[in-house]
Structures are given as structure tokens and as C-alpha cells.
Amino acid sequence: MPRFVSMDLYERFKGEVFKLTNARQRLEPGKKHRGLTDEEIASKLGMTVEEVTEIRCIAERESIDLSDYLDAEETKEKRFKMLPAKRGN
């Protein structure tokens, strides 16, 4: 069952948790592209896995611009209408 983390704990660790997570792709030439799992982050930061998971989930949602949510339907519609060769697949 999810556990709520305090705002203090969230504010103190959100940047570090988000920086270490698998949630973002790292496409830097010459560097490994693997982030850490919640378990690995928890071990590294001395936190519980539940705390890391909660902080990561909130940080991921905060990182998405509101306009991305509001324009999602239009964006999906444009992608649907594009030819398969133009989608980058």
C-alpha cells in the first residue's frame, strides 16, 4: 500500500531521486543509458523503497508540463494521421 512522504522529505530528495531514476532516457554519447531502480536508489540514499517510489512518481508527474496534458488529444490525433514512415518507426 502506498505510503505518503512528508513535504520536507520530498523536497529534500526529489531532485536526486529523479536524477538517478530509470524514468528518463539518457542519450549521451559514450555514457551508459541505465538509470537506477527504486531499490538501488533507496540503498544509495538510505531510504525505503516505498519512499523512493512515492517521491519518483510525484516528481515524474511534476516534470510533465501542463500543456502536454492539455494538448495530448491533439498530439495523439496528429500522430495517428501521420504516415507510418514519417512517425520515425
Protein backbone atom coordinates (compact mmCIF):
# COMPACT_ATOMS: atom_id res chain seq x y z
CA MET A 1 0.00 0.00 0.00
CA PRO A 2 1.44 3.43 -0.90
CA ARG A 3 2.80 5.47 1.95
CA PHE A 4 2.71 9.23 1.99
CA VAL A 5 6.03 11.02 2.36
CA SER A 6 6.37 14.36 4.09
CA MET A 7 6.81 17.50 2.01
CA ASP A 8 10.18 18.02 3.69
CA LEU A 9 11.40 14.57 2.65
CA TYR A 10 10.00 15.05 -0.86
CA GLU A 11 11.61 18.47 -1.34
CA ARG A 12 14.93 17.28 0.05
CA PHE A 13 15.24 14.20 -2.20
CA LYS A 14 13.13 14.77 -5.34
CA GLY A 15 15.99 16.11 -7.44
CA GLU A 16 18.37 13.32 -6.55
CA VAL A 17 15.74 10.58 -6.95
CA PHE A 18 14.63 11.92 -10.33
CA LYS A 19 18.23 12.30 -11.49
CA LEU A 20 19.01 8.66 -10.65
CA THR A 21 15.79 7.05 -11.89
CA ASN A 22 15.13 4.87 -14.92
CA ALA A 23 12.20 7.15 -15.79
CA ARG A 24 14.33 9.32 -18.06
CA GLN A 25 16.34 8.16 -21.02
CA ARG A 26 19.95 9.18 -21.12
CA LEU A 27 21.20 9.60 -24.65
CA GLU A 28 24.65 11.00 -24.04
CA PRO A 29 27.28 9.55 -26.42
CA GLY A 30 29.80 7.37 -24.64
CA LYS A 31 27.79 7.08 -21.42
CA LYS A 32 25.72 4.19 -20.20
CA HIS A 33 22.00 4.78 -20.60
CA ARG A 34 20.84 2.99 -17.48
CA GLY A 35 19.29 4.74 -14.52
CA LEU A 36 18.89 3.04 -11.16
CA THR A 37 15.90 1.05 -9.94
CA ASP A 38 13.91 2.26 -6.94
CA GLU A 39 15.62 -0.41 -4.84
CA GLU A 40 19.09 0.79 -5.90
CA ILE A 41 18.19 4.44 -5.27
CA ALA A 42 16.80 3.58 -1.83
CA SER A 43 20.00 1.77 -0.92
CA LYS A 44 22.18 4.62 -2.20
CA LEU A 45 20.21 7.36 -0.38
CA GLY A 46 19.44 5.42 2.82
CA MET A 47 15.68 5.47 2.25
CA THR A 48 12.97 2.84 1.98
CA VAL A 49 11.90 1.61 -1.43
CA GLU A 50 8.37 2.88 -0.72
CA GLU A 51 9.67 6.40 -0.03
CA VAL A 52 11.71 6.43 -3.22
CA THR A 53 8.80 5.11 -5.28
CA GLU A 54 6.43 7.76 -3.91
CA ILE A 55 8.94 10.57 -4.49
CA ARG A 56 9.73 9.32 -8.01
CA CYS A 57 6.07 9.09 -9.01
CA ILE A 58 5.29 12.61 -7.80
CA ALA A 59 8.48 14.03 -9.39
CA GLU A 60 7.63 12.36 -12.72
CA ARG A 61 4.18 13.93 -12.72
CA GLU A 62 5.57 17.33 -11.80
CA SER A 63 8.09 17.13 -14.65
CA ILE A 64 5.37 16.93 -17.31
CA ASP A 65 4.29 20.36 -18.46
CA LEU A 66 0.59 21.12 -18.06
CA SER A 67 0.33 21.96 -21.76
CA ASP A 68 1.40 18.39 -22.57
CA TYR A 69 -1.67 17.14 -20.72
CA LEU A 70 -3.97 19.72 -22.27
CA ASP A 71 -2.68 19.13 -25.81
CA ALA A 72 -2.47 15.33 -25.51
CA GLU A 73 -5.58 14.60 -27.55
CA GLU A 74 -4.49 16.88 -30.38
CA THR A 75 -0.95 15.45 -30.35
CA LYS A 76 -2.24 11.88 -30.49
CA GLU A 77 -4.59 12.77 -33.33
CA LYS A 78 -1.71 14.29 -35.34
CA ARG A 79 0.45 11.22 -34.77
CA PHE A 80 -2.39 8.91 -35.77
CA LYS A 81 -2.84 10.77 -39.07
CA MET A 82 0.87 10.68 -39.96
CA LEU A 83 2.09 8.07 -42.40
CA PRO A 84 3.94 5.18 -40.70
CA ALA A 85 7.23 6.08 -42.46
CA LYS A 86 7.03 9.64 -41.09
CA ARG A 87 6.50 8.54 -37.45
CA GLY A 88 10.09 7.50 -37.05
CA ASN A 89 9.29 3.79 -36.67
